[in-house]
C-alpha atoms as a PDB file:
ATOM      1  CA  MET A   1     -59.604  55.889 -22.135  1.00  0.00           C
ATOM      2  CA  ALA A   2     -61.686  54.709 -25.108  1.00  0.00           C
ATOM      3  CA  GLU A   3     -63.658  57.959 -25.143  1.00  0.00           C
ATOM      4  CA  GLN A   4     -60.447  60.014 -25.045  1.00  0.00           C
ATOM      5  CA  SER A   5     -59.024  58.047 -27.960  1.00  0.00           C
ATOM      6  CA  LEU A   6     -62.172  58.610 -30.010  1.00  0.00           C
ATOM      7  CA  ALA A   7     -62.257  62.297 -29.131  1.00  0.00           C
ATOM      8  CA  GLN A   8     -58.626  62.823 -30.102  1.00  0.00           C
ATOM      9  CA  SER A   9     -59.292  61.404 -33.546  1.00  0.00           C
ATOM     10  CA  GLY A  10     -61.879  64.145 -34.204  1.00  0.00           C
ATOM     11  CA  ARG A  11     -64.401  61.601 -35.535  1.00  0.00           C
ATOM     12  CA  PRO A  12     -65.333  58.006 -34.735  1.00  0.00           C
ATOM     13  CA  TYR A  13     -63.190  56.665 -37.578  1.00  0.00           C
ATOM     14  CA  PRO A  14     -60.936  58.446 -40.094  1.00  0.00           C
ATOM     15  CA  PRO A  15     -61.454  57.578 -43.771  1.00  0.00           C
ATOM     16  CA  PRO A  16     -60.070  54.103 -44.568  1.00  0.00           C
ATOM     17  CA  PRO A  17     -57.043  53.646 -46.820  1.00  0.00           C
ATOM     18  CA  ALA A  18     -59.072  51.354 -49.085  1.00  0.00           C
ATOM     19  CA  SER A  19     -62.743  50.688 -49.787  1.00  0.00           C
ATOM     20  CA  GLU A  20     -64.413  47.919 -47.826  1.00  0.00           C
ATOM     21  CA  SER A  21     -65.041  44.750 -49.811  1.00  0.00           C
ATOM     22  CA  ILE A  22     -68.629  43.521 -49.826  1.00  0.00           C
ATOM     23  CA  LEU A  23     -67.607  40.008 -50.922  1.00  0.00           C
ATOM     24  CA  PRO A  24     -67.729  38.586 -47.346  1.00  0.00           C
ATOM     25  CA  ALA A  25     -71.266  39.936 -46.924  1.00  0.00           C
ATOM     26  CA  GLN A  26     -72.274  38.333 -50.218  1.00  0.00           C
ATOM     27  CA  ALA A  27     -70.784  35.004 -49.126  1.00  0.00           C
ATOM     28  CA  THR A  28     -72.673  35.230 -45.829  1.00  0.00           C
ATOM     29  CA  VAL A  29     -76.006  35.774 -47.581  1.00  0.00           C
ATOM     30  CA  LEU A  30     -75.243  32.861 -49.908  1.00  0.00           C
ATOM     31  CA  ALA A  31     -74.488  30.612 -46.923  1.00  0.00           C
ATOM     32  CA  ALA A  32     -77.745  31.689 -45.248  1.00  0.00           C
ATOM     33  CA  ILE A  33     -79.648  30.736 -48.410  1.00  0.00           C
ATOM     34  CA  GLY A  34     -78.088  27.278 -48.308  1.00  0.00           C
ATOM     35  CA  LEU A  35     -79.036  26.821 -44.652  1.00  0.00           C
ATOM     36  CA  GLN A  36     -82.638  27.875 -45.308  1.00  0.00           C
ATOM     37  CA  LEU A  37     -82.934  25.332 -48.115  1.00  0.00           C
ATOM     38  CA  LEU A  38     -81.842  22.559 -45.736  1.00  0.00           C
ATOM     39  CA  LEU A  39     -84.562  23.267 -43.157  1.00  0.00           C
ATOM     40  CA  PRO A  40     -87.622  20.959 -43.198  1.00  0.00           C
ATOM     41  CA  GLU A  41     -90.591  22.685 -44.838  1.00  0.00           C
ATOM     42  CA  ARG A  42     -92.739  22.392 -41.694  1.00  0.00           C
ATOM     43  CA  LEU A  43     -90.268  24.718 -39.918  1.00  0.00           C
ATOM     44  CA  THR A  44     -90.222  27.440 -42.572  1.00  0.00           C
ATOM     45  CA  VAL A  45     -92.445  30.470 -43.208  1.00  0.00           C
ATOM     46  CA  GLY A  46     -94.491  29.852 -46.331  1.00  0.00           C
ATOM     47  CA  PRO A  47     -93.120  27.712 -49.163  1.00  0.00           C
ATOM     48  CA  THR A  48     -89.528  26.511 -49.028  1.00  0.00           C
ATOM     49  CA  TRP A  49     -88.425  28.933 -51.752  1.00  0.00           C
ATOM     50  CA  LEU A  50     -89.826  32.119 -50.133  1.00  0.00           C
ATOM     51  CA  LEU A  51     -86.992  33.004 -47.736  1.00  0.00           C
ATOM     52  CA  PRO A  52     -84.172  31.913 -50.070  1.00  0.00           C
ATOM     53  CA  GLY A  53     -85.846  34.065 -52.725  1.00  0.00           C
ATOM     54  CA  LEU A  54     -85.838  37.144 -50.473  1.00  0.00           C
ATOM     55  CA  GLU A  55     -82.256  36.466 -49.450  1.00  0.00           C
ATOM     56  CA  GLY A  56     -81.434  36.100 -53.133  1.00  0.00           C
ATOM     57  CA  ALA A  57     -82.817  39.612 -53.701  1.00  0.00           C
ATOM     58  CA  LEU A  58     -80.503  40.892 -50.975  1.00  0.00           C
ATOM     59  CA  LEU A  59     -77.605  39.034 -52.587  1.00  0.00           C
ATOM     60  CA  VAL A  60     -78.371  40.575 -55.989  1.00  0.00           C
ATOM     61  CA  GLY A  61     -78.455  44.022 -54.411  1.00  0.00           C
ATOM     62  CA  LEU A  62     -75.072  43.464 -52.785  1.00  0.00           C
ATOM     63  CA  THR A  63     -73.632  42.018 -55.998  1.00  0.00           C
ATOM     64  CA  MET A  64     -74.630  45.110 -57.990  1.00  0.00           C
ATOM     65  CA  ALA A  65     -73.417  47.535 -55.320  1.00  0.00           C
ATOM     66  CA  THR A  66     -70.075  49.299 -55.209  1.00  0.00           C
ATOM     67  CA  PRO A  67     -68.779  51.634 -52.481  1.00  0.00           C
ATOM     68  CA  ARG A  68     -69.751  54.643 -54.646  1.00  0.00           C
ATOM     69  CA  GLU A  69     -73.235  53.250 -55.276  1.00  0.00           C
ATOM     70  CA  LEU A  70     -73.593  52.362 -51.601  1.00  0.00           C
ATOM     71  CA  GLU A  71     -73.071  56.037 -50.809  1.00  0.00           C
ATOM     72  CA  ARG A  72     -75.321  57.433 -53.544  1.00  0.00           C
ATOM     73  CA  GLU A  73     -78.221  55.038 -52.946  1.00  0.00           C
ATOM     74  CA  HIS A  74     -77.529  54.720 -49.242  1.00  0.00           C
ATOM     75  CA  THR A  75     -80.963  55.547 -47.790  1.00  0.00           C
ATOM     76  CA  ARG A  76     -83.057  53.360 -50.085  1.00  0.00           C
ATOM     77  CA  ARG A  77     -80.566  50.508 -50.277  1.00  0.00           C
ATOM     78  CA  ARG A  78     -80.067  50.407 -46.522  1.00  0.00           C
ATOM     79  CA  ALA A  79     -83.810  50.548 -45.815  1.00  0.00           C
ATOM     80  CA  LEU A  80     -84.397  47.626 -48.180  1.00  0.00           C
ATOM     81  CA  ALA A  81     -81.464  45.643 -46.789  1.00  0.00           C
ATOM     82  CA  LEU A  82     -82.548  46.163 -43.182  1.00  0.00           C
ATOM     83  CA  SER A  83     -86.126  45.189 -44.072  1.00  0.00           C
ATOM     84  CA  LEU A  84     -84.984  41.947 -45.692  1.00  0.00           C
ATOM     85  CA  ILE A  85     -82.619  41.144 -42.817  1.00  0.00           C
ATOM     86  CA  ALA A  86     -85.407  41.834 -40.306  1.00  0.00           C
ATOM     87  CA  PHE A  87     -87.786  39.550 -42.183  1.00  0.00           C
ATOM     88  CA  VAL A  88     -85.236  36.729 -42.335  1.00  0.00           C
ATOM     89  CA  SER A  89     -84.511  37.192 -38.622  1.00  0.00           C
ATOM     90  CA  ALA A  90     -88.221  36.993 -37.803  1.00  0.00           C
ATOM     91  CA  ALA A  91     -88.569  33.907 -39.977  1.00  0.00           C
ATOM     92  CA  ASN A  92     -85.665  32.270 -38.161  1.00  0.00           C
ATOM     93  CA  VAL A  93     -87.383  32.986 -34.821  1.00  0.00           C
ATOM     94  CA  PHE A  94     -90.543  31.431 -36.281  1.00  0.00           C
ATOM     95  CA  SER A  95     -88.559  28.306 -37.202  1.00  0.00           C
ATOM     96  CA  LEU A  96     -87.242  28.200 -33.641  1.00  0.00           C
ATOM     97  CA  GLN A  97     -90.775  28.502 -32.267  1.00  0.00           C
ATOM     98  CA  GLN A  98     -91.987  25.718 -34.553  1.00  0.00           C
ATOM     99  CA  LEU A  99     -89.140  23.450 -33.539  1.00  0.00           C
ATOM    100  CA  THR A 100     -89.750  24.179 -29.847  1.00  0.00           C
ATOM    101  CA  HIS A 101     -93.443  23.369 -30.302  1.00  0.00           C
ATOM    102  CA  PHE A 102     -92.504  20.143 -32.066  1.00  0.00           C
ATOM    103  CA  LEU A 103     -90.225  19.179 -29.161  1.00  0.00           C
ATOM    104  CA  LEU A 104     -92.861  19.871 -26.524  1.00  0.00           C
ATOM    105  CA  HIS A 105     -95.586  17.895 -28.287  1.00  0.00           C
ATOM    106  CA  THR A 106     -93.667  15.057 -29.922  1.00  0.00           C
ATOM    107  CA  HIS A 107     -91.719  12.371 -28.108  1.00  0.00           C
ATOM    108  CA  LYS A 108     -90.614  10.000 -30.842  1.00  0.00           C
ATOM    109  CA  PRO A 109     -87.043   8.751 -30.271  1.00  0.00           C
ATOM    110  CA  THR A 110     -86.451   8.484 -34.010  1.00  0.00           C
ATOM    111  CA  ASN A 111     -86.736  12.256 -34.400  1.00  0.00           C
ATOM    112  CA  GLY A 112     -83.681  13.133 -32.294  1.00  0.00           C
ATOM    113  CA  ARG A 113     -81.176  13.342 -35.137  1.00  0.00           C
ATOM    114  CA  GLU A 114     -83.429  15.527 -37.270  1.00  0.00           C
ATOM    115  CA  LEU A 115     -84.067  17.828 -34.308  1.00  0.00           C
ATOM    116  CA  ILE A 116     -80.349  18.300 -33.665  1.00  0.00           C
ATOM    117  CA  ILE A 117     -79.665  19.080 -37.330  1.00  0.00           C
ATOM    118  CA  SER A 118     -82.602  21.515 -37.505  1.00  0.00           C
ATOM    119  CA  GLY A 119     -81.483  23.212 -34.287  1.00  0.00           C
ATOM    120  CA  MET A 120     -77.954  23.682 -35.602  1.00  0.00           C
ATOM    121  CA  LEU A 121     -79.267  25.062 -38.905  1.00  0.00           C
ATOM    122  CA  ILE A 122     -81.325  27.627 -36.984  1.00  0.00           C
ATOM    123  CA  TRP A 123     -78.327  28.530 -34.802  1.00  0.00           C
ATOM    124  CA  LEU A 124     -76.021  28.948 -37.807  1.00  0.00           C
ATOM    125  CA  THR A 125     -78.595  31.107 -39.588  1.00  0.00           C
ATOM    126  CA  ASN A 126     -78.901  33.209 -36.435  1.00  0.00           C
ATOM    127  CA  PHE A 127     -75.124  33.663 -36.353  1.00  0.00           C
ATOM    128  CA  LEU A 128     -74.878  34.697 -40.016  1.00  0.00           C
ATOM    129  CA  ILE A 129     -77.921  36.976 -40.114  1.00  0.00           C
ATOM    130  CA  PHE A 130     -76.882  38.949 -37.047  1.00  0.00           C
ATOM    131  CA  ALA A 131     -73.445  39.522 -38.543  1.00  0.00           C
ATOM    132  CA  LEU A 132     -75.307  41.291 -41.360  1.00  0.00           C
ATOM    133  CA  TRP A 133     -77.309  43.220 -38.754  1.00  0.00           C
ATOM    134  CA  TYR A 134     -74.145  44.544 -37.105  1.00  0.00           C
ATOM    135  CA  TRP A 135     -72.526  45.342 -40.462  1.00  0.00           C
ATOM    136  CA  GLU A 136     -75.575  47.358 -41.562  1.00  0.00           C
ATOM    137  CA  LEU A 137     -76.139  49.110 -38.229  1.00  0.00           C
ATOM    138  CA  ASP A 138     -72.671  50.262 -37.201  1.00  0.00           C
ATOM    139  CA  ARG A 139     -72.021  53.989 -37.760  1.00  0.00           C
ATOM    140  CA  GLY A 140     -74.827  54.527 -40.235  1.00  0.00           C
ATOM    141  CA  GLY A 141     -74.182  51.489 -42.418  1.00  0.00           C
ATOM    142  CA  PRO A 142     -71.696  50.502 -45.131  1.00  0.00           C
ATOM    143  CA  GLY A 143     -72.705  53.416 -47.365  1.00  0.00           C
ATOM    144  CA  LYS A 144     -71.695  55.995 -44.768  1.00  0.00           C
ATOM    145  CA  ARG A 145     -68.510  54.098 -44.000  1.00  0.00           C
ATOM    146  CA  ALA A 146     -67.598  53.804 -47.687  1.00  0.00           C
ATOM    147  CA  ALA A 147     -67.998  57.573 -48.074  1.00  0.00           C
ATOM    148  CA  GLY A 148     -66.007  58.307 -44.925  1.00  0.00           C
ATOM    149  CA  HIS A 149     -69.078  60.039 -43.427  1.00  0.00           C
ATOM    150  CA  ASP A 150     -69.227  57.814 -40.378  1.00  0.00           C
ATOM    151  CA  GLN A 151     -71.741  58.459 -37.656  1.00  0.00           C
ATOM    152  CA  ALA A 152     -71.022  57.743 -33.983  1.00  0.00           C
ATOM    153  CA  PRO A 153     -69.888  54.118 -33.544  1.00  0.00           C
ATOM    154  CA  ASP A 154     -72.400  51.567 -32.293  1.00  0.00           C
ATOM    155  CA  PHE A 155     -69.680  49.128 -31.214  1.00  0.00           C
ATOM    156  CA  LEU A 156     -66.445  49.644 -29.308  1.00  0.00           C
ATOM    157  CA  PHE A 157     -63.784  47.362 -30.782  1.00  0.00           C
ATOM    158  CA  PRO A 158     -60.538  46.817 -28.840  1.00  0.00           C
ATOM    159  CA  GLN A 159     -58.552  48.315 -31.746  1.00  0.00           C
ATOM    160  CA  MET A 160     -60.336  51.634 -31.151  1.00  0.00           C
ATOM    161  CA  THR A 161     -59.012  52.026 -27.615  1.00  0.00           C
ATOM    162  CA  ASP A 162     -55.243  51.970 -28.188  1.00  0.00           C
ATOM    163  CA  ASP A 163     -53.245  53.294 -31.153  1.00  0.00           C
ATOM    164  CA  ARG A 164     -50.515  50.780 -30.307  1.00  0.00           C
ATOM    165  CA  ILE A 165     -52.797  47.911 -31.359  1.00  0.00           C
ATOM    166  CA  GLU A 166     -53.813  49.347 -34.735  1.00  0.00           C
ATOM    167  CA  PRO A 167     -53.194  52.711 -36.451  1.00  0.00           C
ATOM    168  CA  ARG A 168     -55.744  55.475 -35.992  1.00  0.00           C
ATOM    169  CA  ASP A 169     -57.184  54.877 -39.470  1.00  0.00           C
ATOM    170  CA  TRP A 170     -58.243  51.325 -38.524  1.00  0.00           C
ATOM    171  CA  ARG A 171     -61.890  50.508 -39.048  1.00  0.00           C
ATOM    172  CA  PRO A 172     -63.829  47.239 -38.707  1.00  0.00           C
ATOM    173  CA  ARG A 173     -64.413  45.038 -41.717  1.00  0.00           C
ATOM    174  CA  PHE A 174     -67.140  42.466 -42.210  1.00  0.00           C
ATOM    175  CA  ILE A 175     -65.014  39.750 -40.591  1.00  0.00           C
ATOM    176  CA  ASP A 176     -64.992  41.822 -37.391  1.00  0.00           C
ATOM    177  CA  TYR A 177     -68.786  41.935 -37.306  1.00  0.00           C
ATOM    178  CA  LEU A 178     -68.903  38.214 -38.108  1.00  0.00           C
ATOM    179  CA  TYR A 179     -66.658  37.539 -35.119  1.00  0.00           C
ATOM    180  CA  VAL A 180     -68.828  39.720 -32.858  1.00  0.00           C
ATOM    181  CA  SER A 181     -71.858  37.707 -33.947  1.00  0.00           C
ATOM    182  CA  LEU A 182     -70.072  34.397 -33.333  1.00  0.00           C
ATOM    183  CA  THR A 183     -68.922  35.288 -29.826  1.00  0.00           C
ATOM    184  CA  ASN A 184     -72.322  36.721 -28.898  1.00  0.00           C
ATOM    185  CA  ALA A 185     -74.057  33.575 -30.160  1.00  0.00           C
ATOM    186  CA  THR A 186     -71.764  31.261 -28.196  1.00  0.00           C
ATOM    187  CA  ALA A 187     -71.192  33.265 -24.991  1.00  0.00           C
ATOM    188  CA  PHE A 188     -74.736  34.761 -24.933  1.00  0.00           C
ATOM    189  CA  SER A 189     -73.146  38.132 -24.140  1.00  0.00           C
ATOM    190  CA  PRO A 190     -70.539  40.557 -25.545  1.00  0.00           C
ATOM    191  CA  THR A 191     -66.912  39.504 -25.176  1.00  0.00           C
ATOM    192  CA  ASP A 192     -64.145  41.799 -26.467  1.00  0.00           C
ATOM    193  CA  THR A 193     -66.436  44.199 -28.370  1.00  0.00           C
ATOM    194  CA  MET A 194     -68.964  46.240 -26.409  1.00  0.00           C
ATOM    195  CA  PRO A 195     -72.273  47.634 -27.754  1.00  0.00           C
ATOM    196  CA  LEU A 196     -72.508  51.402 -27.297  1.00  0.00           C
ATOM    197  CA  SER A 197     -75.871  52.452 -28.727  1.00  0.00           C
ATOM    198  CA  PRO A 198     -79.314  51.303 -27.530  1.00  0.00           C
ATOM    199  CA  ILE A 199     -80.039  49.665 -30.895  1.00  0.00           C
ATOM    200  CA  ALA A 200     -76.784  47.690 -30.775  1.00  0.00           C
ATOM    201  CA  LYS A 201     -77.558  46.505 -27.249  1.00  0.00           C
ATOM    202  CA  SER A 202     -81.095  45.534 -28.263  1.00  0.00           C
ATOM    203  CA  VAL A 203     -80.013  43.570 -31.327  1.00  0.00           C
ATOM    204  CA  MET A 204     -77.264  41.757 -29.417  1.00  0.00           C
ATOM    205  CA  GLY A 205     -79.792  40.916 -26.698  1.00  0.00           C
ATOM    206  CA  VAL A 206     -82.199  39.393 -29.212  1.00  0.00           C
ATOM    207  CA  GLN A 207     -79.421  37.303 -30.734  1.00  0.00           C
ATOM    208  CA  SER A 208     -78.337  36.054 -27.302  1.00  0.00           C
ATOM    209  CA  VAL A 209     -81.880  34.969 -26.414  1.00  0.00           C
ATOM    210  CA  VAL A 210     -82.389  33.138 -29.719  1.00  0.00           C
ATOM    211  CA  SER A 211     -79.024  31.422 -29.387  1.00  0.00           C
ATOM    212  CA  LEU A 212     -79.640  30.471 -25.753  1.00  0.00           C
ATOM    213  CA  VAL A 213     -83.015  28.915 -26.535  1.00  0.00           C
ATOM    214  CA  THR A 214     -81.615  27.075 -29.544  1.00  0.00           C
ATOM    215  CA  LEU A 215     -78.596  25.565 -27.818  1.00  0.00           C
ATOM    216  CA  GLY A 216     -79.962  25.334 -24.285  1.00  0.00           C
ATOM    217  CA  LEU A 217     -83.455  23.984 -24.881  1.00  0.00           C
ATOM    218  CA  ILE A 218     -83.623  22.373 -28.296  1.00  0.00           C
ATOM    219  CA  VAL A 219     -80.212  20.737 -28.621  1.00  0.00           C
ATOM    220  CA  SER A 220     -80.180  19.430 -25.040  1.00  0.00           C
ATOM    221  CA  ARG A 221     -83.719  18.078 -25.415  1.00  0.00           C
ATOM    222  CA  ALA A 222     -82.884  16.462 -28.736  1.00  0.00           C
ATOM    223  CA  VAL A 223     -79.805  14.771 -27.241  1.00  0.00           C
ATOM    224  CA  ASN A 224     -82.037  13.235 -24.564  1.00  0.00           C
ATOM    225  CA  ILE A 225     -84.350  11.923 -27.267  1.00  0.00           C
ATOM    226  CA  LEU A 226     -81.507  10.118 -29.051  1.00  0.00           C
END
């Protein structure tokens, strides 16, 4: 039924009635910067300022961008954005590895509270960063979507399957990708939105594994230490 609905529309998504706001994406990057600054330095890659500095560069790029500029500079801007997001994701996995190592080799009861806080900071960063992943990956990225030159969708949202839920010109906004990231990080699997492309499935799988290790291993172990 979903495929028939998409085929009848003639393209994955018709042009939107209004340009997509990038303010939610900017707020998400800003929140990720704050979370990185709260992590203990022994859990971060390089000096404490390195990752927030790179995320700040991404924030500046988003702040200066408009839908028209997103389209014109789409290839270079998207390549830079994806590179920065990938680096932050890898750094968050490194923090998780460091925290796991600390748990397996340290058994001081007084460290339980710090471990829980660090684990939650890593989980929240994972949730926010992967929302940016989905926003950048879906249908060629925000530049393509802003221009109405959408590629094939990477995610199947429920609104895409039935015109009675939303009109045919409906398209996901950043909040939709944020919700997909939240549900994937808590359920460790897709819920109402299904990944369609191999890259979407791969990215969602990585997020699920990171979230599972964070909540399942670190938080439970830290609670036992308390």
